[in-house]
Amino acid sequence: MSNIFAIIEIGSNNTKTHIYKNEETIYEKTTTIEFKKNYKNENKVNEEDLNKLYKVIENALSYTKDVNIYGCSIFRNISIEELNEINEKIYNKFGLKIQVVSQEDEANYTALGCYNDIEYNGNICVFIGGGGSIELIFVNNKKIIDKKYYDFGVVDITNKFDTLKNDIPSCSFSDVYNYVNELINN
């Protein structure tokens, strides 16, 4: 009997689906769902974004009933009442719930996936640049030695400097650099 399970990781801007069978990846897809951008516009999770998420969940369920849904930055930042409402909708439709992952767990698991199966000596830094958060994990010989967490991400930067989305941005490097430096220092 095969062991098939799915992981759906909901980020601020991208939702990633990974489906595994007997430890082999059989399906991977990234779906753009702009939760953070639309949340900022409406001050709540957008219903159309939830409809897109429902389609992602339906697709995963077509492979397996063992579906695990993890919410990252955007779901860490909404109210517990709103999260409960969303989870109630998802549970009523699919019998599933979003598990919110702490920033520390998100960083640790991502870093482990980066350095666990490679051979190296010395230090590495794993940079996790998400839509709503940034994590830096400093590793020495497969042991985490330091961590830095930031509550801003790519969406925050591109919202401030919209032309960064263009092939040739019209904003200056120094303006973006100074803005990011301000965010880091805050």
C-alpha atoms as a PDB file:
ATOM      1  CA  MET A   1       0.000   0.000   0.000  1.00  0.00           C
ATOM      2  CA  SER A   2       1.360   3.428  -0.932  1.00  0.00           C
ATOM      3  CA  ASN A   3       1.676   6.272   1.512  1.00  0.00           C
ATOM      4  CA  ILE A   4       0.454   9.472  -0.164  1.00  0.00           C
ATOM      5  CA  PHE A   5       0.221  12.787   1.662  1.00  0.00           C
ATOM      6  CA  ALA A   6       0.033  16.463   0.734  1.00  0.00           C
ATOM      7  CA  ILE A   7       1.443  19.611   2.263  1.00  0.00           C
ATOM      8  CA  ILE A   8      -0.034  22.999   1.409  1.00  0.00           C
ATOM      9  CA  GLU A   9       2.025  25.967   2.590  1.00  0.00           C
ATOM     10  CA  ILE A  10       0.085  29.241   2.480  1.00  0.00           C
ATOM     11  CA  GLY A  11       2.349  32.256   2.266  1.00  0.00           C
ATOM     12  CA  SER A  12       1.545  35.929   1.973  1.00  0.00           C
ATOM     13  CA  ASN A  13       1.784  35.834  -1.809  1.00  0.00           C
ATOM     14  CA  ASN A  14       2.306  32.227  -2.897  1.00  0.00           C
ATOM     15  CA  THR A  15       0.668  28.973  -1.899  1.00  0.00           C
ATOM     16  CA  LYS A  16       2.823  25.905  -2.465  1.00  0.00           C
ATOM     17  CA  THR A  17       1.471  22.394  -2.832  1.00  0.00           C
ATOM     18  CA  HIS A  18       3.707  19.345  -2.460  1.00  0.00           C
ATOM     19  CA  ILE A  19       2.336  15.826  -2.796  1.00  0.00           C
ATOM     20  CA  TYR A  20       4.445  12.818  -1.873  1.00  0.00           C
ATOM     21  CA  LYS A  21       4.063   9.101  -2.518  1.00  0.00           C
ATOM     22  CA  ASN A  22       6.408   6.697  -0.763  1.00  0.00           C
ATOM     23  CA  GLU A  23       8.805   9.582  -0.008  1.00  0.00           C
ATOM     24  CA  GLU A  24       8.930  10.685  -3.669  1.00  0.00           C
ATOM     25  CA  THR A  25       7.486  13.982  -4.879  1.00  0.00           C
ATOM     26  CA  ILE A  26       4.670  13.274  -7.331  1.00  0.00           C
ATOM     27  CA  TYR A  27       3.234  16.791  -7.614  1.00  0.00           C
ATOM     28  CA  GLU A  28       4.482  20.329  -6.939  1.00  0.00           C
ATOM     29  CA  LYS A  29       2.812  23.586  -7.783  1.00  0.00           C
ATOM     30  CA  THR A  30       3.019  27.202  -6.680  1.00  0.00           C
ATOM     31  CA  THR A  31      -0.201  29.202  -6.942  1.00  0.00           C
ATOM     32  CA  THR A  32      -0.175  32.967  -6.611  1.00  0.00           C
ATOM     33  CA  ILE A  33      -2.760  34.059  -4.053  1.00  0.00           C
ATOM     34  CA  GLU A  34      -2.066  37.618  -2.953  1.00  0.00           C
ATOM     35  CA  PHE A  35      -3.346  37.301   0.615  1.00  0.00           C
ATOM     36  CA  LYS A  36      -1.190  40.072   2.083  1.00  0.00           C
ATOM     37  CA  LYS A  37      -1.770  42.621  -0.686  1.00  0.00           C
ATOM     38  CA  ASN A  38      -5.521  42.084  -0.634  1.00  0.00           C
ATOM     39  CA  TYR A  39      -5.620  41.992   3.172  1.00  0.00           C
ATOM     40  CA  LYS A  40      -3.956  45.385   3.255  1.00  0.00           C
ATOM     41  CA  ASN A  41      -6.594  46.744   0.852  1.00  0.00           C
ATOM     42  CA  GLU A  42      -9.616  45.303   2.710  1.00  0.00           C
ATOM     43  CA  ASN A  43      -8.300  44.837   6.277  1.00  0.00           C
ATOM     44  CA  LYS A  44      -9.505  41.231   6.146  1.00  0.00           C
ATOM     45  CA  VAL A  45      -8.766  38.093   4.151  1.00  0.00           C
ATOM     46  CA  ASN A  46     -10.326  38.469   0.730  1.00  0.00           C
ATOM     47  CA  GLU A  47     -13.127  36.009  -0.152  1.00  0.00           C
ATOM     48  CA  GLU A  48     -11.775  35.564  -3.698  1.00  0.00           C
ATOM     49  CA  ASP A  49      -8.395  34.592  -2.232  1.00  0.00           C
ATOM     50  CA  LEU A  50     -10.139  31.991  -0.083  1.00  0.00           C
ATOM     51  CA  ASN A  51     -11.902  30.647  -3.196  1.00  0.00           C
ATOM     52  CA  LYS A  52      -8.505  30.226  -4.872  1.00  0.00           C
ATOM     53  CA  LEU A  53      -7.262  28.406  -1.765  1.00  0.00           C
ATOM     54  CA  TYR A  54     -10.300  26.104  -1.863  1.00  0.00           C
ATOM     55  CA  LYS A  55      -9.340  25.077  -5.414  1.00  0.00           C
ATOM     56  CA  VAL A  56      -5.809  24.282  -4.242  1.00  0.00           C
ATOM     57  CA  ILE A  57      -7.224  22.146  -1.423  1.00  0.00           C
ATOM     58  CA  GLU A  58      -9.649  20.374  -3.783  1.00  0.00           C
ATOM     59  CA  ASN A  59      -6.774  19.556  -6.110  1.00  0.00           C
ATOM     60  CA  ALA A  60      -4.677  18.095  -3.274  1.00  0.00           C
ATOM     61  CA  LEU A  61      -7.661  16.052  -2.090  1.00  0.00           C
ATOM     62  CA  SER A  62      -7.943  14.527  -5.557  1.00  0.00           C
ATOM     63  CA  TYR A  63      -4.608  12.794  -4.794  1.00  0.00           C
ATOM     64  CA  THR A  64      -5.072  11.944  -1.118  1.00  0.00           C
ATOM     65  CA  LYS A  65      -7.253  12.540   1.920  1.00  0.00           C
ATOM     66  CA  ASP A  66      -4.086  13.095   4.006  1.00  0.00           C
ATOM     67  CA  VAL A  67      -3.724  16.843   3.431  1.00  0.00           C
ATOM     68  CA  ASN A  68      -1.850  19.119   5.843  1.00  0.00           C
ATOM     69  CA  ILE A  69      -2.348  22.882   5.531  1.00  0.00           C
ATOM     70  CA  TYR A  70       0.180  25.288   7.059  1.00  0.00           C
ATOM     71  CA  GLY A  71      -0.275  29.053   7.229  1.00  0.00           C
ATOM     72  CA  CYS A  72       2.729  31.342   7.434  1.00  0.00           C
ATOM     73  CA  SER A  73       3.151  35.093   7.929  1.00  0.00           C
ATOM     74  CA  ILE A  74      -0.263  36.329   6.819  1.00  0.00           C
ATOM     75  CA  PHE A  75      -2.040  33.880   9.121  1.00  0.00           C
ATOM     76  CA  ARG A  76       0.248  34.749  12.033  1.00  0.00           C
ATOM     77  CA  ASN A  77      -0.852  38.355  11.683  1.00  0.00           C
ATOM     78  CA  ILE A  78      -4.643  38.106  11.382  1.00  0.00           C
ATOM     79  CA  SER A  79      -6.876  38.058  14.435  1.00  0.00           C
ATOM     80  CA  ILE A  80      -7.669  34.758  16.123  1.00  0.00           C
ATOM     81  CA  GLU A  81     -11.370  35.446  15.409  1.00  0.00           C
ATOM     82  CA  GLU A  82     -10.734  35.781  11.687  1.00  0.00           C
ATOM     83  CA  LEU A  83      -8.528  32.676  11.665  1.00  0.00           C
ATOM     84  CA  ASN A  84     -11.268  30.727  13.456  1.00  0.00           C
ATOM     85  CA  GLU A  85     -13.858  31.896  10.887  1.00  0.00           C
ATOM     86  CA  ILE A  86     -11.618  30.814   8.004  1.00  0.00           C
ATOM     87  CA  ASN A  87     -10.873  27.488   9.654  1.00  0.00           C
ATOM     88  CA  GLU A  88     -14.576  26.897  10.220  1.00  0.00           C
ATOM     89  CA  LYS A  89     -15.247  27.449   6.492  1.00  0.00           C
ATOM     90  CA  ILE A  90     -12.394  25.123   5.503  1.00  0.00           C
ATOM     91  CA  TYR A  91     -13.477  22.503   8.010  1.00  0.00           C
ATOM     92  CA  ASN A  92     -17.094  22.621   6.800  1.00  0.00           C
ATOM     93  CA  LYS A  93     -15.989  22.208   3.173  1.00  0.00           C
ATOM     94  CA  PHE A  94     -13.118  19.752   3.549  1.00  0.00           C
ATOM     95  CA  GLY A  95     -12.797  18.536   7.144  1.00  0.00           C
ATOM     96  CA  LEU A  96      -9.397  20.275   7.365  1.00  0.00           C
ATOM     97  CA  LYS A  97      -7.924  23.269   9.204  1.00  0.00           C
ATOM     98  CA  ILE A  98      -5.008  25.621   8.725  1.00  0.00           C
ATOM     99  CA  GLN A  99      -2.232  25.083  11.239  1.00  0.00           C
ATOM    100  CA  VAL A 100      -0.386  28.358  11.793  1.00  0.00           C
ATOM    101  CA  VAL A 101       3.375  27.895  11.835  1.00  0.00           C
ATOM    102  CA  SER A 102       5.476  30.131  14.064  1.00  0.00           C
ATOM    103  CA  GLN A 103       8.153  32.212  12.390  1.00  0.00           C
ATOM    104  CA  GLU A 104      10.793  30.218  14.266  1.00  0.00           C
ATOM    105  CA  ASP A 105       9.438  26.832  13.131  1.00  0.00           C
ATOM    106  CA  GLU A 106       9.102  28.075   9.553  1.00  0.00           C
ATOM    107  CA  ALA A 107      12.731  29.209   9.597  1.00  0.00           C
ATOM    108  CA  ASN A 108      14.071  26.070  11.273  1.00  0.00           C
ATOM    109  CA  TYR A 109      12.319  23.639   8.922  1.00  0.00           C
ATOM    110  CA  THR A 110      13.274  25.605   5.818  1.00  0.00           C
ATOM    111  CA  ALA A 111      16.897  25.856   6.906  1.00  0.00           C
ATOM    112  CA  LEU A 112      17.044  22.146   7.736  1.00  0.00           C
ATOM    113  CA  GLY A 113      15.773  21.359   4.246  1.00  0.00           C
ATOM    114  CA  CYS A 114      18.557  23.518   2.793  1.00  0.00           C
ATOM    115  CA  TYR A 115      21.578  22.224   4.682  1.00  0.00           C
ATOM    116  CA  ASN A 116      20.687  18.734   5.877  1.00  0.00           C
ATOM    117  CA  ASP A 117      21.660  16.809   2.735  1.00  0.00           C
ATOM    118  CA  ILE A 118      24.697  18.787   1.600  1.00  0.00           C
ATOM    119  CA  GLU A 119      28.329  18.424   2.590  1.00  0.00           C
ATOM    120  CA  TYR A 120      30.130  21.601   3.573  1.00  0.00           C
ATOM    121  CA  ASN A 121      32.569  22.948   6.117  1.00  0.00           C
ATOM    122  CA  GLY A 122      32.149  26.227   7.895  1.00  0.00           C
ATOM    123  CA  ASN A 123      29.311  28.710   7.974  1.00  0.00           C
ATOM    124  CA  ILE A 124      26.308  29.222   5.767  1.00  0.00           C
ATOM    125  CA  CYS A 125      23.387  31.605   5.994  1.00  0.00           C
ATOM    126  CA  VAL A 126      19.949  30.484   4.870  1.00  0.00           C
ATOM    127  CA  PHE A 127      17.893  33.465   3.682  1.00  0.00           C
ATOM    128  CA  ILE A 128      14.144  32.932   3.623  1.00  0.00           C
ATOM    129  CA  GLY A 129      12.531  35.844   1.814  1.00  0.00           C
ATOM    130  CA  GLY A 130       8.781  35.552   1.953  1.00  0.00           C
ATOM    131  CA  GLY A 131       6.011  37.933   1.031  1.00  0.00           C
ATOM    132  CA  GLY A 132       5.344  38.949   4.633  1.00  0.00           C
ATOM    133  CA  SER A 133       8.415  37.959   6.612  1.00  0.00           C
ATOM    134  CA  ILE A 134      12.141  37.375   6.294  1.00  0.00           C
ATOM    135  CA  GLU A 135      14.194  34.924   8.277  1.00  0.00           C
ATOM    136  CA  LEU A 136      17.963  34.500   8.373  1.00  0.00           C
ATOM    137  CA  ILE A 137      19.381  31.290   9.825  1.00  0.00           C
ATOM    138  CA  PHE A 138      23.124  31.114  10.444  1.00  0.00           C
ATOM    139  CA  VAL A 139      24.506  27.575  10.461  1.00  0.00           C
ATOM    140  CA  ASN A 140      27.947  26.240  11.329  1.00  0.00           C
ATOM    141  CA  ASN A 141      28.601  22.622  10.365  1.00  0.00           C
ATOM    142  CA  LYS A 142      24.879  21.719  10.468  1.00  0.00           C
ATOM    143  CA  LYS A 143      24.253  23.427  13.795  1.00  0.00           C
ATOM    144  CA  ILE A 144      22.154  26.590  13.993  1.00  0.00           C
ATOM    145  CA  ILE A 145      24.229  29.276  15.696  1.00  0.00           C
ATOM    146  CA  ASP A 146      22.059  32.368  15.247  1.00  0.00           C
ATOM    147  CA  LYS A 147      18.707  33.519  13.869  1.00  0.00           C
ATOM    148  CA  LYS A 148      17.222  36.838  12.783  1.00  0.00           C
ATOM    149  CA  TYR A 149      13.521  37.394  12.116  1.00  0.00           C
ATOM    150  CA  TYR A 150      11.911  40.343  10.383  1.00  0.00           C
ATOM    151  CA  ASP A 151       8.202  41.123  10.097  1.00  0.00           C
ATOM    152  CA  PHE A 152       8.386  42.540   6.602  1.00  0.00           C
ATOM    153  CA  GLY A 153       8.773  40.810   3.295  1.00  0.00           C
ATOM    154  CA  VAL A 154       8.885  41.207  -0.453  1.00  0.00           C
ATOM    155  CA  VAL A 155       5.256  42.376  -0.647  1.00  0.00           C
ATOM    156  CA  ASP A 156       5.995  45.256   1.739  1.00  0.00           C
ATOM    157  CA  ILE A 157       8.946  46.352  -0.377  1.00  0.00           C
ATOM    158  CA  THR A 158       7.149  46.071  -3.737  1.00  0.00           C
ATOM    159  CA  ASN A 159       4.122  47.897  -2.296  1.00  0.00           C
ATOM    160  CA  LYS A 160       6.413  50.805  -1.446  1.00  0.00           C
ATOM    161  CA  PHE A 161       8.373  50.589  -4.743  1.00  0.00           C
ATOM    162  CA  ASP A 162       5.851  49.335  -7.292  1.00  0.00           C
ATOM    163  CA  THR A 163       8.259  49.618 -10.233  1.00  0.00           C
ATOM    164  CA  LEU A 164      10.420  46.827  -8.743  1.00  0.00           C
ATOM    165  CA  LYS A 165       7.895  44.525 -10.432  1.00  0.00           C
ATOM    166  CA  ASN A 166       8.947  45.862 -13.849  1.00  0.00           C
ATOM    167  CA  ASP A 167      11.769  44.467 -15.974  1.00  0.00           C
ATOM    168  CA  ILE A 168      13.582  47.771 -15.510  1.00  0.00           C
ATOM    169  CA  PRO A 169      12.551  49.487 -12.260  1.00  0.00           C
ATOM    170  CA  SER A 170      12.522  53.278 -12.143  1.00  0.00           C
ATOM    171  CA  CYS A 171      13.190  53.527  -8.391  1.00  0.00           C
ATOM    172  CA  SER A 172      16.750  53.988  -7.254  1.00  0.00           C
ATOM    173  CA  PHE A 173      18.772  51.289  -5.559  1.00  0.00           C
ATOM    174  CA  SER A 174      19.675  53.684  -2.756  1.00  0.00           C
ATOM    175  CA  ASP A 175      15.990  54.478  -2.046  1.00  0.00           C
ATOM    176  CA  VAL A 176      15.141  50.778  -1.772  1.00  0.00           C
ATOM    177  CA  TYR A 177      18.292  50.101   0.263  1.00  0.00           C
ATOM    178  CA  ASN A 178      17.520  52.929   2.699  1.00  0.00           C
ATOM    179  CA  TYR A 179      13.897  51.774   3.090  1.00  0.00           C
ATOM    180  CA  VAL A 180      14.927  48.188   3.818  1.00  0.00           C
ATOM    181  CA  ASN A 181      17.567  49.440   6.248  1.00  0.00           C
ATOM    182  CA  GLU A 182      14.847  51.434   8.063  1.00  0.00           C
ATOM    183  CA  LEU A 183      12.663  48.314   8.274  1.00  0.00           C
ATOM    184  CA  ILE A 184      15.553  46.278   9.659  1.00  0.00           C
ATOM    185  CA  ASN A 185      16.371  48.893  12.265  1.00  0.00           C
ATOM    186  CA  ASN A 186      12.754  49.094  13.389  1.00  0.00           C
END
